[in-house]
């Protein structure tokens, strides 16, 4: 049975997990862009997939003992998208400043 009163907490927790995954992606993107090689791109993409899976499974376990629900996956994706749309220009500027040095 789904506890309806816990669903907003669970969704907010997964939103936070998605935002954390977005920050991990943006940080890895900086390192990947600075490496500049094609093999580094594939390597960092693989590292990101493993980290994203670990973060998602960890937050699912914290929210409701690992039960996968559609609204939780949607909240995770929304957190990732919000973080990416809000902070991607900032991280792009950081990458350009680092490359100029």
PDB file of N, CA and C in Angstrom:
ATOM      1  N   UNK A   1       0.839  -1.171   0.000  1.00  0.00           N
ATOM      2  CA  UNK A   1       0.000   0.000   0.000  1.00  0.00           C
ATOM      3  C   UNK A   1       0.888   1.241   0.000  1.00  0.00           C
ATOM      4  N   UNK A   2       0.543   2.211  -0.814  1.00  0.00           N
ATOM      5  CA  UNK A   2       1.295   3.439  -0.926  1.00  0.00           C
ATOM      6  C   UNK A   2       0.810   4.420   0.134  1.00  0.00           C
ATOM      7  N   UNK A   3       1.733   4.949   0.905  1.00  0.00           N
ATOM      8  CA  UNK A   3       1.405   5.969   1.895  1.00  0.00           C
ATOM      9  C   UNK A   3       1.359   7.322   1.187  1.00  0.00           C
ATOM     10  N   UNK A   4       0.157   7.856   1.011  1.00  0.00           N
ATOM     11  CA  UNK A   4      -0.042   9.078   0.238  1.00  0.00           C
ATOM     12  C   UNK A   4       0.599  10.280   0.919  1.00  0.00           C
ATOM     13  N   UNK A   5       0.661  10.285   2.224  1.00  0.00           N
ATOM     14  CA  UNK A   5       1.240  11.436   2.916  1.00  0.00           C
ATOM     15  C   UNK A   5       2.759  11.501   2.755  1.00  0.00           C
ATOM     16  N   UNK A   6       3.391  10.379   2.436  1.00  0.00           N
ATOM     17  CA  UNK A   6       4.850  10.361   2.269  1.00  0.00           C
ATOM     18  C   UNK A   6       5.278  10.679   0.844  1.00  0.00           C
ATOM     19  N   UNK A   7       4.368  10.681  -0.091  1.00  0.00           N
ATOM     20  CA  UNK A   7       4.731  10.885  -1.490  1.00  0.00           C
ATOM     21  C   UNK A   7       5.375  12.242  -1.775  1.00  0.00           C
ATOM     22  N   UNK A   8       4.899  13.344  -1.225  1.00  0.00           N
ATOM     23  CA  UNK A   8       5.598  14.612  -1.482  1.00  0.00           C
ATOM     24  C   UNK A   8       7.030  14.605  -0.959  1.00  0.00           C
ATOM     25  N   UNK A   9       7.252  14.017   0.203  1.00  0.00           N
ATOM     26  CA  UNK A   9       8.602  13.910   0.748  1.00  0.00           C
ATOM     27  C   UNK A   9       9.474  13.061  -0.168  1.00  0.00           C
ATOM     28  N   UNK A  10       8.948  11.947  -0.624  1.00  0.00           N
ATOM     29  CA  UNK A  10       9.709  11.066  -1.509  1.00  0.00           C
ATOM     30  C   UNK A  10      10.040  11.770  -2.820  1.00  0.00           C
ATOM     31  N   UNK A  11       9.070  12.493  -3.372  1.00  0.00           N
ATOM     32  CA  UNK A  11       9.300  13.201  -4.637  1.00  0.00           C
ATOM     33  C   UNK A  11      10.341  14.305  -4.450  1.00  0.00           C
ATOM     34  N   UNK A  12      10.274  15.021  -3.350  1.00  0.00           N
ATOM     35  CA  UNK A  12      11.255  16.076  -3.091  1.00  0.00           C
ATOM     36  C   UNK A  12      12.654  15.493  -2.889  1.00  0.00           C
ATOM     37  N   UNK A  13      12.718  14.354  -2.239  1.00  0.00           N
ATOM     38  CA  UNK A  13      13.999  13.689  -2.041  1.00  0.00           C
ATOM     39  C   UNK A  13      14.601  13.257  -3.381  1.00  0.00           C
ATOM     40  N   UNK A  14      13.788  12.710  -4.260  1.00  0.00           N
ATOM     41  CA  UNK A  14      14.285  12.300  -5.581  1.00  0.00           C
ATOM     42  C   UNK A  14      14.602  13.503  -6.450  1.00  0.00           C
ATOM     43  N   UNK A  15      13.887  14.606  -6.290  1.00  0.00           N
ATOM     44  CA  UNK A  15      14.226  15.842  -6.993  1.00  0.00           C
ATOM     45  C   UNK A  15      15.632  16.294  -6.584  1.00  0.00           C
ATOM     46  N   UNK A  16      15.912  16.223  -5.298  1.00  0.00           N
ATOM     47  CA  UNK A  16      17.247  16.561  -4.797  1.00  0.00           C
ATOM     48  C   UNK A  16      18.295  15.623  -5.384  1.00  0.00           C
ATOM     49  N   UNK A  17      17.983  14.341  -5.472  1.00  0.00           N
ATOM     50  CA  UNK A  17      18.918  13.391  -6.075  1.00  0.00           C
ATOM     51  C   UNK A  17      19.179  13.700  -7.544  1.00  0.00           C
ATOM     52  N   UNK A  18      18.147  14.123  -8.256  1.00  0.00           N
ATOM     53  CA  UNK A  18      18.321  14.511  -9.647  1.00  0.00           C
ATOM     54  C   UNK A  18      19.179  15.753  -9.785  1.00  0.00           C
ATOM     55  N   UNK A  19      18.994  16.717  -8.882  1.00  0.00           N
ATOM     56  CA  UNK A  19      19.817  17.924  -8.908  1.00  0.00           C
ATOM     57  C   UNK A  19      21.276  17.591  -8.598  1.00  0.00           C
ATOM     58  N   UNK A  20      21.503  16.693  -7.655  1.00  0.00           N
ATOM     59  CA  UNK A  20      22.864  16.255  -7.345  1.00  0.00           C
ATOM     60  C   UNK A  20      23.497  15.572  -8.559  1.00  0.00           C
ATOM     61  N   UNK A  21      22.725  14.762  -9.248  1.00  0.00           N
ATOM     62  CA  UNK A  21      23.224  14.108 -10.455  1.00  0.00           C
ATOM     63  C   UNK A  21      23.531  15.134 -11.537  1.00  0.00           C
ATOM     64  N   UNK A  22      22.731  16.188 -11.623  1.00  0.00           N
ATOM     65  CA  UNK A  22      23.008  17.259 -12.575  1.00  0.00           C
ATOM     66  C   UNK A  22      24.323  17.954 -12.281  1.00  0.00           C
ATOM     67  N   UNK A  23      24.612  18.204 -10.988  1.00  0.00           N
ATOM     68  CA  UNK A  23      25.892  18.812 -10.620  1.00  0.00           C
ATOM     69  C   UNK A  23      27.055  17.888 -10.947  1.00  0.00           C
ATOM     70  N   UNK A  24      26.876  16.595 -10.705  1.00  0.00           N
ATOM     71  CA  UNK A  24      27.934  15.631 -11.050  1.00  0.00           C
ATOM     72  C   UNK A  24      28.179  15.664 -12.550  1.00  0.00           C
ATOM     73  N   UNK A  25      27.106  15.721 -13.333  1.00  0.00           N
ATOM     74  CA  UNK A  25      27.263  15.769 -14.784  1.00  0.00           C
ATOM     75  C   UNK A  25      28.008  17.028 -15.224  1.00  0.00           C
ATOM     76  N   UNK A  26      27.644  18.161 -14.655  1.00  0.00           N
ATOM     77  CA  UNK A  26      28.300  19.409 -15.039  1.00  0.00           C
ATOM     78  C   UNK A  26      29.778  19.423 -14.643  1.00  0.00           C
ATOM     79  N   UNK A  27      30.098  18.874 -13.489  1.00  0.00           N
ATOM     80  CA  UNK A  27      31.499  18.794 -13.086  1.00  0.00           C
ATOM     81  C   UNK A  27      32.290  17.862 -13.994  1.00  0.00           C
ATOM     82  N   UNK A  28      31.713  16.711 -14.313  1.00  0.00           N
ATOM     83  CA  UNK A  28      32.393  15.786 -15.217  1.00  0.00           C
ATOM     84  C   UNK A  28      32.514  16.377 -16.618  1.00  0.00           C
ATOM     85  N   UNK A  29      31.569  17.198 -16.999  1.00  0.00           N
ATOM     86  CA  UNK A  29      31.638  17.837 -18.316  1.00  0.00           C
ATOM     87  C   UNK A  29      32.812  18.808 -18.389  1.00  0.00           C
ATOM     88  N   UNK A  30      33.080  19.519 -17.302  1.00  0.00           N
ATOM     89  CA  UNK A  30      34.245  20.412 -17.276  1.00  0.00           C
ATOM     90  C   UNK A  30      35.519  19.606 -17.455  1.00  0.00           C
ATOM     91  N   UNK A  31      35.654  18.531 -16.687  1.00  0.00           N
ATOM     92  CA  UNK A  31      36.860  17.702 -16.776  1.00  0.00           C
ATOM     93  C   UNK A  31      36.969  17.067 -18.156  1.00  0.00           C
ATOM     94  N   UNK A  32      35.850  16.621 -18.689  1.00  0.00           N
ATOM     95  CA  UNK A  32      35.848  15.998 -20.016  1.00  0.00           C
ATOM     96  C   UNK A  32      36.261  16.994 -21.095  1.00  0.00           C
ATOM     97  N   UNK A  33      35.779  18.219 -21.013  1.00  0.00           N
ATOM     98  CA  UNK A  33      36.146  19.239 -21.998  1.00  0.00           C
ATOM     99  C   UNK A  33      37.613  19.627 -21.891  1.00  0.00           C
ATOM    100  N   UNK A  34      38.151  19.624 -20.692  1.00  0.00           N
ATOM    101  CA  UNK A  34      39.552  19.965 -20.523  1.00  0.00           C
ATOM    102  C   UNK A  34      40.472  18.846 -21.003  1.00  0.00           C
ATOM    103  N   UNK A  35      40.014  17.601 -20.907  1.00  0.00           N
ATOM    104  CA  UNK A  35      40.826  16.472 -21.373  1.00  0.00           C
ATOM    105  C   UNK A  35      40.957  16.517 -22.892  1.00  0.00           C
ATOM    106  N   UNK A  36      39.850  16.769 -23.583  1.00  0.00           N
ATOM    107  CA  UNK A  36      39.886  17.022 -25.011  1.00  0.00           C
ATOM    108  C   UNK A  36      40.032  15.810 -25.911  1.00  0.00           C
ATOM    109  N   UNK A  37      40.214  14.643 -25.404  1.00  0.00           N
ATOM    110  CA  UNK A  37      40.375  13.463 -26.256  1.00  0.00           C
ATOM    111  C   UNK A  37      39.074  12.686 -26.326  1.00  0.00           C
ATOM    112  N   UNK A  38      38.896  11.976 -27.432  1.00  0.00           N
ATOM    113  CA  UNK A  38      37.665  11.219 -27.632  1.00  0.00           C
ATOM    114  C   UNK A  38      37.531  10.085 -26.625  1.00  0.00           C
ATOM    115  N   UNK A  39      38.627   9.438 -26.306  1.00  0.00           N
ATOM    116  CA  UNK A  39      38.577   8.337 -25.335  1.00  0.00           C
ATOM    117  C   UNK A  39      38.171   8.858 -23.957  1.00  0.00           C
ATOM    118  N   UNK A  40      38.597  10.073 -23.613  1.00  0.00           N
ATOM    119  CA  UNK A  40      38.219  10.670 -22.330  1.00  0.00           C
ATOM    120  C   UNK A  40      36.720  10.932 -22.289  1.00  0.00           C
ATOM    121  N   UNK A  41      36.160  11.320 -23.421  1.00  0.00           N
ATOM    122  CA  UNK A  41      34.713  11.552 -23.479  1.00  0.00           C
ATOM    123  C   UNK A  41      33.959  10.272 -23.153  1.00  0.00           C
ATOM    124  N   UNK A  42      34.360   9.172 -23.765  1.00  0.00           N
ATOM    125  CA  UNK A  42      33.685   7.896 -23.513  1.00  0.00           C
ATOM    126  C   UNK A  42      33.917   7.428 -22.073  1.00  0.00           C
ATOM    127  N   UNK A  43      35.102   7.640 -21.572  1.00  0.00           N
ATOM    128  CA  UNK A  43      35.414   7.233 -20.211  1.00  0.00           C
ATOM    129  C   UNK A  43      34.568   8.006 -19.199  1.00  0.00           C
ATOM    130  N   UNK A  44      34.505   9.325 -19.355  1.00  0.00           N
ATOM    131  CA  UNK A  44      33.737  10.133 -18.415  1.00  0.00           C
ATOM    132  C   UNK A  44      32.233   9.913 -18.562  1.00  0.00           C
ATOM    133  N   UNK A  45      31.769   9.608 -19.762  1.00  0.00           N
ATOM    134  CA  UNK A  45      30.357   9.264 -19.919  1.00  0.00           C
ATOM    135  C   UNK A  45      30.025   7.964 -19.185  1.00  0.00           C
ATOM    136  N   UNK A  46      30.927   7.004 -19.258  1.00  0.00           N
ATOM    137  CA  UNK A  46      30.731   5.754 -18.521  1.00  0.00           C
ATOM    138  C   UNK A  46      30.746   5.967 -17.021  1.00  0.00           C
ATOM    139  N   UNK A  47      31.664   6.805 -16.558  1.00  0.00           N
ATOM    140  CA  UNK A  47      31.729   7.129 -15.126  1.00  0.00           C
ATOM    141  C   UNK A  47      30.444   7.819 -14.691  1.00  0.00           C
ATOM    142  N   UNK A  48      29.934   8.725 -15.536  1.00  0.00           N
ATOM    143  CA  UNK A  48      28.692   9.419 -15.178  1.00  0.00           C
ATOM    144  C   UNK A  48      27.519   8.442 -15.084  1.00  0.00           C
ATOM    145  N   UNK A  49      27.413   7.521 -16.018  1.00  0.00           N
ATOM    146  CA  UNK A  49      26.305   6.562 -15.981  1.00  0.00           C
ATOM    147  C   UNK A  49      26.362   5.736 -14.700  1.00  0.00           C
ATOM    148  N   UNK A  50      27.548   5.294 -14.319  1.00  0.00           N
ATOM    149  CA  UNK A  50      27.680   4.526 -13.076  1.00  0.00           C
ATOM    150  C   UNK A  50      27.335   5.365 -11.851  1.00  0.00           C
ATOM    151  N   UNK A  51      27.809   6.604 -11.817  1.00  0.00           N
ATOM    152  CA  UNK A  51      27.487   7.478 -10.686  1.00  0.00           C
ATOM    153  C   UNK A  51      26.002   7.826 -10.638  1.00  0.00           C
ATOM    154  N   UNK A  52      25.405   8.076 -11.802  1.00  0.00           N
ATOM    155  CA  UNK A  52      23.974   8.398 -11.833  1.00  0.00           C
ATOM    156  C   UNK A  52      23.141   7.209 -11.358  1.00  0.00           C
ATOM    157  N   UNK A  53      23.525   6.005 -11.765  1.00  0.00           N
ATOM    158  CA  UNK A  53      22.798   4.812 -11.313  1.00  0.00           C
ATOM    159  C   UNK A  53      22.949   4.629  -9.808  1.00  0.00           C
ATOM    160  N   UNK A  54      24.143   4.883  -9.288  1.00  0.00           N
ATOM    161  CA  UNK A  54      24.364   4.753  -7.847  1.00  0.00           C
ATOM    162  C   UNK A  54      23.568   5.801  -7.070  1.00  0.00           C
ATOM    163  N   UNK A  55      23.547   7.030  -7.562  1.00  0.00           N
ATOM    164  CA  UNK A  55      22.793   8.090  -6.887  1.00  0.00           C
ATOM    165  C   UNK A  55      21.294   7.786  -6.934  1.00  0.00           C
ATOM    166  N   UNK A  56      20.806   7.379  -8.100  1.00  0.00           N
ATOM    167  CA  UNK A  56      19.379   7.065  -8.223  1.00  0.00           C
ATOM    168  C   UNK A  56      18.990   5.916  -7.300  1.00  0.00           C
ATOM    169  N   UNK A  57      19.766   4.853  -7.302  1.00  0.00           N
ATOM    170  CA  UNK A  57      19.406   3.721  -6.452  1.00  0.00           C
ATOM    171  C   UNK A  57      19.524   4.078  -4.973  1.00  0.00           C
ATOM    172  N   UNK A  58      20.513   4.884  -4.609  1.00  0.00           N
ATOM    173  CA  UNK A  58      20.642   5.307  -3.220  1.00  0.00           C
ATOM    174  C   UNK A  58      19.474   6.160  -2.759  1.00  0.00           C
ATOM    175  N   UNK A  59      19.084   7.103  -3.601  1.00  0.00           N
ATOM    176  CA  UNK A  59      17.949   7.957  -3.235  1.00  0.00           C
ATOM    177  C   UNK A  59      16.629   7.179  -3.245  1.00  0.00           C
ATOM    178  N   UNK A  60      16.494   6.221  -4.167  1.00  0.00           N
ATOM    179  CA  UNK A  60      15.289   5.384  -4.132  1.00  0.00           C
ATOM    180  C   UNK A  60      15.233   4.572  -2.843  1.00  0.00           C
ATOM    181  N   UNK A  61      16.371   4.071  -2.411  1.00  0.00           N
ATOM    182  CA  UNK A  61      16.400   3.319  -1.161  1.00  0.00           C
ATOM    183  C   UNK A  61      16.058   4.210   0.029  1.00  0.00           C
ATOM    184  N   UNK A  62      16.588   5.452   0.027  1.00  0.00           N
ATOM    185  CA  UNK A  62      16.264   6.372   1.115  1.00  0.00           C
ATOM    186  C   UNK A  62      14.793   6.767   1.117  1.00  0.00           C
ATOM    187  N   UNK A  63      14.222   6.935  -0.060  1.00  0.00           N
ATOM    188  CA  UNK A  63      12.844   7.425  -0.149  1.00  0.00           C
ATOM    189  C   UNK A  63      11.838   6.361   0.256  1.00  0.00           C
ATOM    190  N   UNK A  64      11.963   5.174  -0.325  1.00  0.00           N
ATOM    191  CA  UNK A  64      10.952   4.157  -0.031  1.00  0.00           C
ATOM    192  C   UNK A  64      11.478   2.732  -0.194  1.00  0.00           C
ATOM    193  N   UNK A  65      12.664   2.501   0.298  1.00  0.00           N
ATOM    194  CA  UNK A  65      13.279   1.172   0.328  1.00  0.00           C
ATOM    195  C   UNK A  65      13.460   0.567  -1.056  1.00  0.00           C
ATOM    196  N   UNK A  66      13.714   1.411  -2.044  1.00  0.00           N
ATOM    197  CA  UNK A  66      14.080   0.938  -3.369  1.00  0.00           C
ATOM    198  C   UNK A  66      12.949   0.644  -4.321  1.00  0.00           C
ATOM    199  N   UNK A  67      11.732   0.947  -3.961  1.00  0.00           N
ATOM    200  CA  UNK A  67      10.612   0.700  -4.848  1.00  0.00           C
ATOM    201  C   UNK A  67      10.593   1.768  -5.947  1.00  0.00           C
ATOM    202  N   UNK A  68      10.593   1.306  -7.190  1.00  0.00           N
ATOM    203  CA  UNK A  68      10.616   2.225  -8.325  1.00  0.00           C
ATOM    204  C   UNK A  68       9.181   2.619  -8.660  1.00  0.00           C
ATOM    205  N   UNK A  69       8.926   3.897  -8.652  1.00  0.00           N
ATOM    206  CA  UNK A  69       7.604   4.420  -9.019  1.00  0.00           C
ATOM    207  C   UNK A  69       7.784   5.508 -10.062  1.00  0.00           C
ATOM    208  N   UNK A  70       6.797   5.638 -10.912  1.00  0.00           N
ATOM    209  CA  UNK A  70       6.871   6.580 -12.019  1.00  0.00           C
ATOM    210  C   UNK A  70       7.053   8.020 -11.575  1.00  0.00           C
ATOM    211  N   UNK A  71       6.318   8.435 -10.551  1.00  0.00           N
ATOM    212  CA  UNK A  71       6.413   9.828 -10.125  1.00  0.00           C
ATOM    213  C   UNK A  71       7.775  10.115  -9.503  1.00  0.00           C
ATOM    214  N   UNK A  72       8.428   9.105  -8.948  1.00  0.00           N
ATOM    215  CA  UNK A  72       9.763   9.313  -8.393  1.00  0.00           C
ATOM    216  C   UNK A  72      10.797   9.472  -9.495  1.00  0.00           C
ATOM    217  N   UNK A  73      10.673   8.682 -10.547  1.00  0.00           N
ATOM    218  CA  UNK A  73      11.585   8.834 -11.687  1.00  0.00           C
ATOM    219  C   UNK A  73      11.370  10.179 -12.375  1.00  0.00           C
ATOM    220  N   UNK A  74      10.122  10.618 -12.429  1.00  0.00           N
ATOM    221  CA  UNK A  74       9.828  11.934 -12.999  1.00  0.00           C
ATOM    222  C   UNK A  74      10.428  13.047 -12.145  1.00  0.00           C
ATOM    223  N   UNK A  75      10.337  12.926 -10.834  1.00  0.00           N
ATOM    224  CA  UNK A  75      10.923  13.926  -9.938  1.00  0.00           C
ATOM    225  C   UNK A  75      12.448  13.944 -10.078  1.00  0.00           C
ATOM    226  N   UNK A  76      13.059  12.773 -10.222  1.00  0.00           N
ATOM    227  CA  UNK A  76      14.510  12.698 -10.415  1.00  0.00           C
ATOM    228  C   UNK A  76      14.905  13.393 -11.713  1.00  0.00           C
ATOM    229  N   UNK A  77      14.183  13.107 -12.793  1.00  0.00           N
ATOM    230  CA  UNK A  77      14.474  13.739 -14.085  1.00  0.00           C
ATOM    231  C   UNK A  77      14.237  15.247 -14.024  1.00  0.00           C
ATOM    232  N   UNK A  78      13.211  15.672 -13.311  1.00  0.00           N
ATOM    233  CA  UNK A  78      12.942  17.109 -13.180  1.00  0.00           C
ATOM    234  C   UNK A  78      14.048  17.805 -12.400  1.00  0.00           C
ATOM    235  N   UNK A  79      14.572  17.174 -11.369  1.00  0.00           N
ATOM    236  CA  UNK A  79      15.679  17.748 -10.619  1.00  0.00           C
ATOM    237  C   UNK A  79      16.931  17.864 -11.470  1.00  0.00           C
ATOM    238  N   UNK A  80      17.199  16.843 -12.272  1.00  0.00           N
ATOM    239  CA  UNK A  80      18.352  16.884 -13.176  1.00  0.00           C
ATOM    240  C   UNK A  80      18.191  18.013 -14.192  1.00  0.00           C
ATOM    241  N   UNK A  81      17.011  18.105 -14.801  1.00  0.00           N
ATOM    242  CA  UNK A  81      16.762  19.136 -15.813  1.00  0.00           C
ATOM    243  C   UNK A  81      16.836  20.536 -15.209  1.00  0.00           C
ATOM    244  N   UNK A  82      16.282  20.723 -14.026  1.00  0.00           N
ATOM    245  CA  UNK A  82      16.318  22.036 -13.387  1.00  0.00           C
ATOM    246  C   UNK A  82      17.753  22.459 -13.085  1.00  0.00           C
ATOM    247  N   UNK A  83      18.534  21.545 -12.566  1.00  0.00           N
ATOM    248  CA  UNK A  83      19.937  21.852 -12.275  1.00  0.00           C
ATOM    249  C   UNK A  83      20.693  22.167 -13.555  1.00  0.00           C
ATOM    250  N   UNK A  84      20.460  21.388 -14.581  1.00  0.00           N
ATOM    251  CA  UNK A  84      21.176  21.600 -15.839  1.00  0.00           C
ATOM    252  C   UNK A  84      20.800  22.947 -16.458  1.00  0.00           C
ATOM    253  N   UNK A  85      19.520  23.253 -16.507  1.00  0.00           N
ATOM    254  CA  UNK A  85      19.086  24.506 -17.137  1.00  0.00           C
ATOM    255  C   UNK A  85      19.509  25.731 -16.336  1.00  0.00           C
ATOM    256  N   UNK A  86      19.560  25.601 -15.021  1.00  0.00           N
ATOM    257  CA  UNK A  86      19.936  26.751 -14.198  1.00  0.00           C
ATOM    258  C   UNK A  86      21.444  26.992 -14.163  1.00  0.00           C
ATOM    259  N   UNK A  87      22.230  25.922 -14.114  1.00  0.00           N
ATOM    260  CA  UNK A  87      23.656  26.077 -13.854  1.00  0.00           C
ATOM    261  C   UNK A  87      24.571  25.764 -15.033  1.00  0.00           C
ATOM    262  N   UNK A  88      24.057  25.273 -16.139  1.00  0.00           N
ATOM    263  CA  UNK A  88      24.914  24.967 -17.292  1.00  0.00           C
ATOM    264  C   UNK A  88      25.627  26.199 -17.831  1.00  0.00           C
ATOM    265  N   UNK A  89      24.981  27.366 -17.950  1.00  0.00           N
ATOM    266  CA  UNK A  89      25.726  28.547 -18.418  1.00  0.00           C
ATOM    267  C   UNK A  89      26.858  28.945 -17.472  1.00  0.00           C
ATOM    268  N   UNK A  90      26.644  28.825 -16.174  1.00  0.00           N
ATOM    269  CA  UNK A  90      27.687  29.142 -15.212  1.00  0.00           C
ATOM    270  C   UNK A  90      28.892  28.218 -15.380  1.00  0.00           C
ATOM    271  N   UNK A  91      28.621  26.920 -15.507  1.00  0.00           N
ATOM    272  CA  UNK A  91      29.706  25.961 -15.661  1.00  0.00           C
ATOM    273  C   UNK A  91      30.393  26.106 -17.015  1.00  0.00           C
ATOM    274  N   UNK A  92      29.663  26.515 -18.036  1.00  0.00           N
ATOM    275  CA  UNK A  92      30.283  26.762 -19.342  1.00  0.00           C
ATOM    276  C   UNK A  92      31.242  27.944 -19.246  1.00  0.00           C
ATOM    277  N   UNK A  93      30.859  28.967 -18.510  1.00  0.00           N
ATOM    278  CA  UNK A  93      31.744  30.113 -18.294  1.00  0.00           C
ATOM    279  C   UNK A  93      32.998  29.730 -17.520  1.00  0.00           C
ATOM    280  N   UNK A  94      32.842  28.865 -16.537  1.00  0.00           N
ATOM    281  CA  UNK A  94      33.998  28.387 -15.778  1.00  0.00           C
ATOM    282  C   UNK A  94      34.945  27.621 -16.688  1.00  0.00           C
ATOM    283  N   UNK A  95      34.397  26.788 -17.548  1.00  0.00           N
ATOM    284  CA  UNK A  95      35.224  26.019 -18.470  1.00  0.00           C
ATOM    285  C   UNK A  95      35.991  26.939 -19.417  1.00  0.00           C
ATOM    286  N   UNK A  96      35.336  27.970 -19.920  1.00  0.00           N
ATOM    287  CA  UNK A  96      36.012  28.900 -20.826  1.00  0.00           C
ATOM    288  C   UNK A  96      37.120  29.665 -20.118  1.00  0.00           C
ATOM    289  N   UNK A  97      36.889  30.058 -18.871  1.00  0.00           N
ATOM    290  CA  UNK A  97      37.922  30.762 -18.119  1.00  0.00           C
ATOM    291  C   UNK A  97      39.126  29.860 -17.848  1.00  0.00           C
ATOM    292  N   UNK A  98      38.878  28.597 -17.564  1.00  0.00           N
ATOM    293  CA  UNK A  98      39.971  27.666 -17.316  1.00  0.00           C
ATOM    294  C   UNK A  98      40.757  27.426 -18.598  1.00  0.00           C
ATOM    295  N   UNK A  99      40.076  27.312 -19.725  1.00  0.00           N
ATOM    296  CA  UNK A  99      40.754  27.070 -21.000  1.00  0.00           C
ATOM    297  C   UNK A  99      41.617  28.248 -21.427  1.00  0.00           C
ATOM    298  N   UNK A 100      41.211  29.469 -21.072  1.00  0.00           N
ATOM    299  CA  UNK A 100      41.978  30.663 -21.450  1.00  0.00           C
ATOM    300  C   UNK A 100      43.314  30.734 -20.720  1.00  0.00           C
ATOM    301  N   UNK A 101      43.388  30.153 -19.545  1.00  0.00           N
ATOM    302  CA  UNK A 101      44.627  30.218 -18.750  1.00  0.00           C
ATOM    303  C   UNK A 101      45.666  29.286 -19.253  1.00  0.00           C
TER     304      UNK A 101
END
